[in-house]
Amino acid sequence: MRTTKRCATIAVMVVLMSSLAACSGMSRQGKNTAIGAGAGAVGGAVLTGGSALGTVGGAAVGGVIGHEVSK
């Protein structure tokens, strides 16, 4: 069980890091939204023990916060 969680966490982090490379043509607000969503997803997954609902909820909250910070 621990190995599965560790592999899932590493996979999420790799996807997050590779997706941030696609932000080069985005506006500042778009970048902040994407970074906030990624950080929120990781935070939500960590806080809920890898729950899908916690990951999606964290991504949504992080995206909104990232979007509003750059206004």
N, C-alpha and C. Protein backbone atom coordinates (compact mmCIF):
# COMPACT_ATOMS: atom_id res chain seq x y z
N MET A 1 0.82 -1.19 0.00
CA MET A 1 0.00 0.00 0.00
C MET A 1 0.87 1.26 0.00
N ARG A 2 1.92 1.26 0.80
CA ARG A 2 2.81 2.42 0.84
C ARG A 2 3.50 2.64 -0.49
N THR A 3 3.90 1.56 -1.12
CA THR A 3 4.57 1.67 -2.42
C THR A 3 3.65 2.28 -3.45
N THR A 4 2.38 1.91 -3.44
CA THR A 4 1.41 2.46 -4.37
C THR A 4 1.23 3.95 -4.15
N LYS A 5 1.11 4.37 -2.91
CA LYS A 5 0.96 5.81 -2.62
C LYS A 5 2.20 6.58 -3.04
N ARG A 6 3.35 6.01 -2.77
CA ARG A 6 4.60 6.69 -3.12
C ARG A 6 4.71 6.83 -4.64
N CYS A 7 4.38 5.78 -5.38
CA CYS A 7 4.43 5.84 -6.84
C CYS A 7 3.42 6.85 -7.39
N ALA A 8 2.24 6.88 -6.81
CA ALA A 8 1.23 7.83 -7.25
C ALA A 8 1.67 9.27 -6.97
N THR A 9 2.27 9.50 -5.82
CA THR A 9 2.74 10.83 -5.49
C THR A 9 3.85 11.27 -6.44
N ILE A 10 4.77 10.39 -6.72
CA ILE A 10 5.85 10.71 -7.66
C ILE A 10 5.30 10.98 -9.05
N ALA A 11 4.33 10.20 -9.48
CA ALA A 11 3.73 10.41 -10.80
C ALA A 11 3.04 11.76 -10.89
N VAL A 12 2.31 12.14 -9.84
CA VAL A 12 1.65 13.44 -9.83
C VAL A 12 2.67 14.56 -9.88
N MET A 13 3.75 14.42 -9.16
CA MET A 13 4.78 15.46 -9.15
C MET A 13 5.47 15.58 -10.51
N VAL A 14 5.73 14.47 -11.17
CA VAL A 14 6.35 14.50 -12.50
C VAL A 14 5.42 15.17 -13.50
N VAL A 15 4.15 14.83 -13.46
CA VAL A 15 3.18 15.45 -14.36
C VAL A 15 3.08 16.95 -14.08
N LEU A 16 3.08 17.33 -12.83
CA LEU A 16 3.00 18.74 -12.46
C LEU A 16 4.21 19.51 -12.98
N MET A 17 5.39 18.97 -12.77
CA MET A 17 6.60 19.65 -13.20
C MET A 17 6.67 19.77 -14.73
N SER A 18 6.26 18.73 -15.43
CA SER A 18 6.30 18.79 -16.90
C SER A 18 5.22 19.71 -17.44
N SER A 19 4.10 19.82 -16.77
CA SER A 19 3.04 20.71 -17.25
C SER A 19 3.40 22.17 -17.01
N LEU A 20 4.22 22.46 -16.01
CA LEU A 20 4.63 23.84 -15.79
C LEU A 20 5.54 24.35 -16.90
N ALA A 21 6.21 23.47 -17.60
CA ALA A 21 7.04 23.88 -18.73
C ALA A 21 6.19 24.44 -19.86
N ALA A 22 4.93 24.08 -19.92
CA ALA A 22 4.03 24.57 -20.96
C ALA A 22 3.53 25.98 -20.67
N CYS A 23 3.91 26.57 -19.58
CA CYS A 23 3.42 27.89 -19.18
C CYS A 23 4.20 29.05 -19.82
N SER A 24 5.14 28.78 -20.69
CA SER A 24 6.00 29.84 -21.20
C SER A 24 5.24 30.88 -22.01
N GLY A 25 4.18 30.52 -22.70
CA GLY A 25 3.43 31.48 -23.51
C GLY A 25 2.20 32.03 -22.81
N MET A 26 2.03 31.73 -21.54
CA MET A 26 0.84 32.16 -20.82
C MET A 26 1.02 33.53 -20.19
N SER A 27 -0.09 34.18 -19.91
CA SER A 27 -0.04 35.45 -19.19
C SER A 27 0.35 35.19 -17.74
N ARG A 28 0.67 36.26 -17.04
CA ARG A 28 1.06 36.13 -15.63
C ARG A 28 -0.09 35.54 -14.82
N GLN A 29 -1.31 35.99 -15.09
CA GLN A 29 -2.47 35.48 -14.35
C GLN A 29 -2.70 34.01 -14.65
N GLY A 30 -2.52 33.61 -15.90
CA GLY A 30 -2.67 32.21 -16.27
C GLY A 30 -1.63 31.33 -15.60
N LYS A 31 -0.40 31.82 -15.53
CA LYS A 31 0.66 31.07 -14.85
C LYS A 31 0.34 30.90 -13.37
N ASN A 32 -0.10 31.97 -12.74
CA ASN A 32 -0.42 31.90 -11.31
C ASN A 32 -1.58 30.94 -11.05
N THR A 33 -2.55 30.93 -11.96
CA THR A 33 -3.67 30.00 -11.82
C THR A 33 -3.18 28.55 -11.92
N ALA A 34 -2.35 28.27 -12.91
CA ALA A 34 -1.83 26.91 -13.10
C ALA A 34 -0.96 26.48 -11.92
N ILE A 35 -0.11 27.36 -11.46
CA ILE A 35 0.76 27.02 -10.32
C ILE A 35 -0.07 26.81 -9.07
N GLY A 36 -1.06 27.66 -8.85
CA GLY A 36 -1.94 27.49 -7.70
C GLY A 36 -2.71 26.19 -7.74
N ALA A 37 -3.19 25.82 -8.93
CA ALA A 37 -3.92 24.56 -9.06
C ALA A 37 -3.01 23.37 -8.80
N GLY A 38 -1.79 23.42 -9.31
CA GLY A 38 -0.85 22.32 -9.08
C GLY A 38 -0.48 22.19 -7.61
N ALA A 39 -0.18 23.32 -6.99
CA ALA A 39 0.17 23.29 -5.57
C ALA A 39 -1.02 22.85 -4.72
N GLY A 40 -2.20 23.31 -5.09
CA GLY A 40 -3.40 22.90 -4.36
C GLY A 40 -3.69 21.42 -4.50
N ALA A 41 -3.45 20.87 -5.68
CA ALA A 41 -3.66 19.44 -5.90
C ALA A 41 -2.72 18.62 -5.04
N VAL A 42 -1.46 19.02 -5.00
CA VAL A 42 -0.49 18.30 -4.17
C VAL A 42 -0.86 18.43 -2.70
N GLY A 43 -1.21 19.64 -2.28
CA GLY A 43 -1.61 19.85 -0.88
C GLY A 43 -2.85 19.07 -0.50
N GLY A 44 -3.84 19.06 -1.39
CA GLY A 44 -5.06 18.31 -1.13
C GLY A 44 -4.81 16.83 -1.04
N ALA A 45 -3.93 16.32 -1.90
CA ALA A 45 -3.60 14.89 -1.87
C ALA A 45 -2.88 14.53 -0.59
N VAL A 46 -1.97 15.38 -0.17
CA VAL A 46 -1.21 15.10 1.05
C VAL A 46 -2.13 15.16 2.28
N LEU A 47 -2.97 16.17 2.34
CA LEU A 47 -3.82 16.34 3.52
C LEU A 47 -4.90 15.26 3.65
N THR A 48 -5.35 14.71 2.52
CA THR A 48 -6.41 13.70 2.57
C THR A 48 -5.89 12.29 2.38
N GLY A 49 -4.59 12.12 2.37
CA GLY A 49 -4.03 10.78 2.24
C GLY A 49 -4.17 10.20 0.85
N GLY A 50 -4.20 11.03 -0.17
CA GLY A 50 -4.27 10.55 -1.55
C GLY A 50 -5.67 10.42 -2.10
N SER A 51 -6.65 10.96 -1.41
CA SER A 51 -8.03 10.89 -1.87
C SER A 51 -8.21 11.69 -3.16
N ALA A 52 -8.94 11.12 -4.11
CA ALA A 52 -9.18 11.82 -5.38
C ALA A 52 -10.00 13.08 -5.15
N LEU A 53 -10.97 13.02 -4.27
CA LEU A 53 -11.79 14.19 -3.98
C LEU A 53 -10.95 15.29 -3.35
N GLY A 54 -10.06 14.94 -2.46
CA GLY A 54 -9.18 15.93 -1.83
C GLY A 54 -8.23 16.55 -2.83
N THR A 55 -7.73 15.75 -3.77
CA THR A 55 -6.82 16.26 -4.80
C THR A 55 -7.54 17.24 -5.73
N VAL A 56 -8.72 16.87 -6.18
CA VAL A 56 -9.49 17.74 -7.07
C VAL A 56 -9.94 19.00 -6.34
N GLY A 57 -10.38 18.85 -5.10
CA GLY A 57 -10.78 20.02 -4.31
C GLY A 57 -9.62 20.96 -4.06
N GLY A 58 -8.46 20.41 -3.76
CA GLY A 58 -7.27 21.23 -3.55
C GLY A 58 -6.87 21.96 -4.82
N ALA A 59 -6.98 21.29 -5.96
CA ALA A 59 -6.66 21.93 -7.24
C ALA A 59 -7.61 23.08 -7.53
N ALA A 60 -8.88 22.88 -7.25
CA ALA A 60 -9.87 23.94 -7.49
C ALA A 60 -9.60 25.15 -6.60
N VAL A 61 -9.41 24.91 -5.33
CA VAL A 61 -9.15 26.00 -4.40
C VAL A 61 -7.84 26.71 -4.74
N GLY A 62 -6.81 25.95 -5.03
CA GLY A 62 -5.51 26.53 -5.38
C GLY A 62 -5.59 27.35 -6.67
N GLY A 63 -6.33 26.87 -7.65
CA GLY A 63 -6.50 27.60 -8.90
C GLY A 63 -7.21 28.93 -8.70
N VAL A 64 -8.24 28.92 -7.89
CA VAL A 64 -8.96 30.17 -7.61
C VAL A 64 -8.06 31.16 -6.88
N ILE A 65 -7.33 30.68 -5.89
CA ILE A 65 -6.44 31.56 -5.15
C ILE A 65 -5.35 32.10 -6.06
N GLY A 66 -4.75 31.26 -6.88
CA GLY A 66 -3.73 31.72 -7.82
C GLY A 66 -4.24 32.74 -8.80
N HIS A 67 -5.48 32.56 -9.24
CA HIS A 67 -6.10 33.49 -10.18
C HIS A 67 -6.34 34.85 -9.53
N GLU A 68 -6.81 34.82 -8.31
CA GLU A 68 -7.15 36.07 -7.62
C GLU A 68 -5.91 36.82 -7.13
N VAL A 69 -4.84 36.13 -6.84
CA VAL A 69 -3.62 36.78 -6.32
C VAL A 69 -3.05 37.73 -7.38
N SER A 70 -3.16 37.36 -8.64
CA SER A 70 -2.53 38.16 -9.69
C SER A 70 -3.38 39.32 -10.17
N LYS A 71 -4.53 39.55 -9.60
CA LYS A 71 -5.37 40.68 -10.02
C LYS A 71 -4.86 41.98 -9.47
